[in-house]
Amino acid sequence: MSQLTSVPRIVITGAPGSGKTQFLQRLRLDQAFDQFLFFDELARQLLREDPTFRRRWSEFHREIYRRQCHRESEAEHRPFITDRGTVDAFAFHPETAAAVGTSIDQEYKRYTTVIQLGSAARLGEPYYGRDEIRNESIEDALLIERAIESVWRNHPGYHWIDARLDFEEKYRHFVTVMREQSLLINQGRV
């Protein structure tokens, strides 16, 4: 394994409808993660600020990458949990890596753990919700899920958590992985 940071830097990723935002909100209330900084998803924030980004994908993903790098550098040596990481931009717009002068392997070194949550799109229409910002079809969400998996799956700290009908069961599995990874990192075993 390449030398990764020893400070816990955890990415929660997934396609629309995977539960990233809800899981992040719940982790904020969990005392086991009090020492972590939490970073919300940038894509949603940028699309709220400027909906015309939907017509400027290249610029949009470069801006996500720039802002993500900035907030991670501001964190200095503090642990963080982020709703998506820099590599996610490459899943949506592969040209971004070259445009910003990096590679997936370089970006992997930023993070100790990556947890991809399976989208509720896998469960069908009754379980998959949309809103004014995230309005992808089920088919699009599943394409996004595969693209995200393709860019993250080779990260040495990658974990997959299936979509489940029981959201609480999915969350419990997620928290178990989070706690195991935090413990391993703190013991220097990752």
Protein backbone atom coordinates (compact mmCIF):
# COMPACT_ATOMS: atom_id res chain seq x y z
CA MET A 1 0.00 0.00 0.00
CA SER A 2 1.26 3.48 -0.79
CA GLN A 3 1.91 5.80 2.10
CA LEU A 4 -1.39 7.46 2.96
CA THR A 5 -1.94 10.15 5.55
CA SER A 6 -2.14 8.77 9.10
CA VAL A 7 -4.75 11.34 10.08
CA PRO A 8 -8.24 9.89 9.51
CA ARG A 9 -9.55 11.47 6.32
CA ILE A 10 -12.69 9.65 5.34
CA VAL A 11 -14.72 10.00 2.15
CA ILE A 12 -18.38 9.04 2.07
CA THR A 13 -19.39 8.70 -1.56
CA GLY A 14 -22.22 7.32 -3.62
CA ALA A 15 -24.71 8.08 -6.34
CA PRO A 16 -27.86 10.11 -5.73
CA GLY A 17 -30.16 8.41 -3.25
CA SER A 18 -27.39 6.60 -1.38
CA GLY A 19 -27.87 8.33 1.98
CA LYS A 20 -24.59 10.28 2.11
CA THR A 21 -26.12 13.49 3.41
CA GLN A 22 -28.27 11.77 6.05
CA PHE A 23 -25.40 9.60 7.23
CA LEU A 24 -23.10 12.60 7.52
CA GLN A 25 -25.73 14.49 9.53
CA ARG A 26 -26.13 11.56 11.91
CA LEU A 27 -22.38 11.12 12.36
CA ARG A 28 -22.15 14.74 13.49
CA LEU A 29 -24.31 13.77 16.49
CA ASP A 30 -22.24 10.67 17.32
CA GLN A 31 -19.76 11.41 20.11
CA ALA A 32 -17.34 8.83 18.69
CA PHE A 33 -16.68 11.30 15.87
CA ASP A 34 -16.46 14.53 17.89
CA GLN A 35 -12.84 15.09 16.87
CA PHE A 36 -13.69 15.12 13.15
CA LEU A 37 -14.41 18.06 10.88
CA PHE A 38 -17.36 17.47 8.57
CA PHE A 39 -17.53 18.68 4.96
CA ASP A 40 -20.86 18.81 3.15
CA GLU A 41 -21.25 17.98 -0.53
CA LEU A 42 -19.95 20.75 -2.76
CA ALA A 43 -21.88 19.84 -5.93
CA ARG A 44 -25.24 20.53 -4.30
CA GLN A 45 -23.95 23.81 -2.85
CA LEU A 46 -22.55 25.00 -6.19
CA LEU A 47 -25.73 24.11 -8.10
CA ARG A 48 -27.77 26.09 -5.57
CA GLU A 49 -25.40 29.04 -5.96
CA ASP A 50 -25.41 28.89 -9.76
CA PRO A 51 -27.79 26.51 -11.58
CA THR A 52 -26.08 27.37 -14.90
CA PHE A 53 -23.21 25.08 -13.83
CA ARG A 54 -25.40 22.29 -15.29
CA ARG A 55 -24.43 23.64 -18.73
CA ARG A 56 -20.74 24.13 -17.83
CA TRP A 57 -19.66 20.68 -16.60
CA SER A 58 -15.94 21.15 -17.12
CA GLU A 59 -15.88 24.40 -15.13
CA PHE A 60 -18.24 22.92 -12.53
CA HIS A 61 -15.99 19.94 -11.75
CA ARG A 62 -12.81 22.02 -11.71
CA GLU A 63 -14.50 24.32 -9.19
CA ILE A 64 -15.57 21.36 -7.03
CA TYR A 65 -11.99 20.06 -7.12
CA ARG A 66 -10.57 23.50 -6.24
CA ARG A 67 -12.93 24.04 -3.31
CA GLN A 68 -12.45 20.49 -1.99
CA CYS A 69 -8.65 20.89 -2.04
CA HIS A 70 -8.96 24.25 -0.30
CA ARG A 71 -11.08 23.02 2.58
CA GLU A 72 -8.92 19.92 3.01
CA SER A 73 -5.79 22.08 3.22
CA GLU A 74 -7.55 24.36 5.72
CA ALA A 75 -8.14 21.28 7.88
CA GLU A 76 -4.35 20.96 8.22
CA HIS A 77 -3.70 17.91 10.42
CA ARG A 78 -7.22 17.51 11.77
CA PRO A 79 -9.28 14.43 10.86
CA PHE A 80 -12.26 14.94 8.59
CA ILE A 81 -15.23 13.17 7.05
CA THR A 82 -16.31 14.50 3.68
CA ASP A 83 -19.37 14.01 1.53
CA ARG A 84 -17.41 13.08 -1.61
CA GLY A 85 -13.72 13.61 -2.23
CA THR A 86 -11.57 14.99 -5.03
CA VAL A 87 -11.70 11.74 -7.02
CA ASP A 88 -15.48 11.99 -7.36
CA ALA A 89 -15.02 14.83 -9.85
CA PHE A 90 -13.22 12.35 -12.14
CA ALA A 91 -16.18 9.95 -12.05
CA PHE A 92 -18.47 12.66 -13.37
CA HIS A 93 -15.96 14.36 -15.66
CA PRO A 94 -12.81 12.28 -16.31
CA GLU A 95 -11.06 15.18 -18.04
CA THR A 96 -10.90 17.04 -14.73
CA ALA A 97 -7.81 15.13 -13.56
CA ALA A 98 -5.71 16.35 -16.49
CA ALA A 99 -7.25 19.83 -16.33
CA VAL A 100 -6.12 20.28 -12.71
CA GLY A 101 -2.79 18.48 -13.17
CA THR A 102 -3.27 15.41 -11.02
CA SER A 103 -4.01 11.70 -11.20
CA ILE A 104 -6.28 9.31 -9.35
CA ASP A 105 -3.28 7.71 -7.65
CA GLN A 106 -2.09 11.10 -6.37
CA GLU A 107 -5.56 11.90 -5.09
CA TYR A 108 -5.89 8.55 -3.30
CA LYS A 109 -3.11 9.67 -0.95
CA ARG A 110 -5.37 12.38 0.45
CA TYR A 111 -7.69 9.84 2.09
CA THR A 112 -7.38 6.94 4.53
CA THR A 113 -10.82 5.45 3.94
CA VAL A 114 -13.46 5.59 1.21
CA ILE A 115 -16.94 4.27 1.89
CA GLN A 116 -19.27 4.02 -1.10
CA LEU A 117 -22.94 3.71 -0.26
CA GLY A 118 -25.18 1.84 -2.68
CA SER A 119 -27.99 3.98 -4.11
CA ALA A 120 -31.65 3.36 -3.37
CA ALA A 121 -32.03 3.46 -7.16
CA ARG A 122 -31.03 -0.24 -6.97
CA LEU A 123 -34.20 -0.89 -4.95
CA GLY A 124 -36.61 0.65 -7.46
CA GLU A 125 -38.86 3.65 -7.83
CA PRO A 126 -40.68 3.53 -4.46
CA TYR A 127 -37.36 3.84 -2.58
CA TYR A 128 -35.54 6.33 -4.78
CA GLY A 129 -36.24 10.01 -4.10
CA ARG A 130 -35.42 13.11 -6.10
CA ASP A 131 -35.37 16.81 -5.30
CA GLU A 132 -34.85 20.09 -7.15
CA ILE A 133 -31.06 19.66 -7.22
CA ARG A 134 -30.64 15.89 -7.50
CA ASN A 135 -33.18 14.94 -10.13
CA GLU A 136 -31.43 12.09 -11.96
CA SER A 137 -33.47 9.15 -13.21
CA ILE A 138 -32.93 5.69 -11.73
CA GLU A 139 -30.94 4.73 -14.82
CA ASP A 140 -28.73 7.82 -14.50
CA ALA A 141 -28.19 7.21 -10.78
CA LEU A 142 -27.03 3.66 -11.51
CA LEU A 143 -24.65 4.89 -14.22
CA ILE A 144 -23.24 7.41 -11.73
CA GLU A 145 -22.88 4.66 -9.14
CA ARG A 146 -20.80 2.55 -11.54
CA ALA A 147 -18.66 5.55 -12.51
CA ILE A 148 -17.97 6.36 -8.85
CA GLU A 149 -17.07 2.75 -8.14
CA SER A 150 -14.72 2.68 -11.13
CA VAL A 151 -12.66 5.63 -9.86
CA TRP A 152 -12.58 4.66 -6.16
CA ARG A 153 -12.48 0.84 -6.06
CA ASN A 154 -8.67 0.64 -6.22
CA HIS A 155 -8.19 2.87 -3.18
CA PRO A 156 -6.58 0.70 -0.46
CA GLY A 157 -9.20 1.79 2.09
CA TYR A 158 -12.26 1.31 -0.17
CA HIS A 159 -15.44 -0.23 1.29
CA TRP A 160 -18.80 -0.88 -0.39
CA ILE A 161 -22.09 -0.84 1.56
CA ASP A 162 -25.10 -2.21 -0.31
CA ALA A 163 -28.42 -0.44 -0.67
CA ARG A 164 -30.91 -1.96 1.73
CA LEU A 165 -34.63 -1.77 2.24
CA ASP A 166 -33.94 -1.26 5.94
CA PHE A 167 -32.19 2.13 6.07
CA GLU A 168 -31.31 1.68 9.77
CA GLU A 169 -29.59 -1.63 9.02
CA LYS A 170 -27.56 0.10 6.31
CA TYR A 171 -26.62 2.88 8.73
CA ARG A 172 -25.55 0.39 11.43
CA HIS A 173 -23.30 -1.40 8.93
CA PHE A 174 -21.88 1.96 7.83
CA VAL A 175 -21.12 3.05 11.42
CA THR A 176 -19.44 -0.28 12.13
CA VAL A 177 -17.11 0.25 9.15
CA MET A 178 -16.49 3.86 10.21
CA ARG A 179 -15.55 2.86 13.76
CA GLU A 180 -13.33 -0.02 12.58
CA GLN A 181 -11.49 2.26 10.17
CA SER A 182 -11.04 5.02 12.74
CA LEU A 183 -9.66 2.50 15.23
CA LEU A 184 -7.25 0.97 12.69
CA ILE A 185 -6.03 4.42 11.65
CA ASN A 186 -5.51 5.47 15.27
CA GLN A 187 -3.54 2.27 15.91
CA GLY A 188 -1.37 2.96 12.85
CA ARG A 189 -2.53 -0.22 11.11
CA VAL A 190 -3.82 1.49 7.97
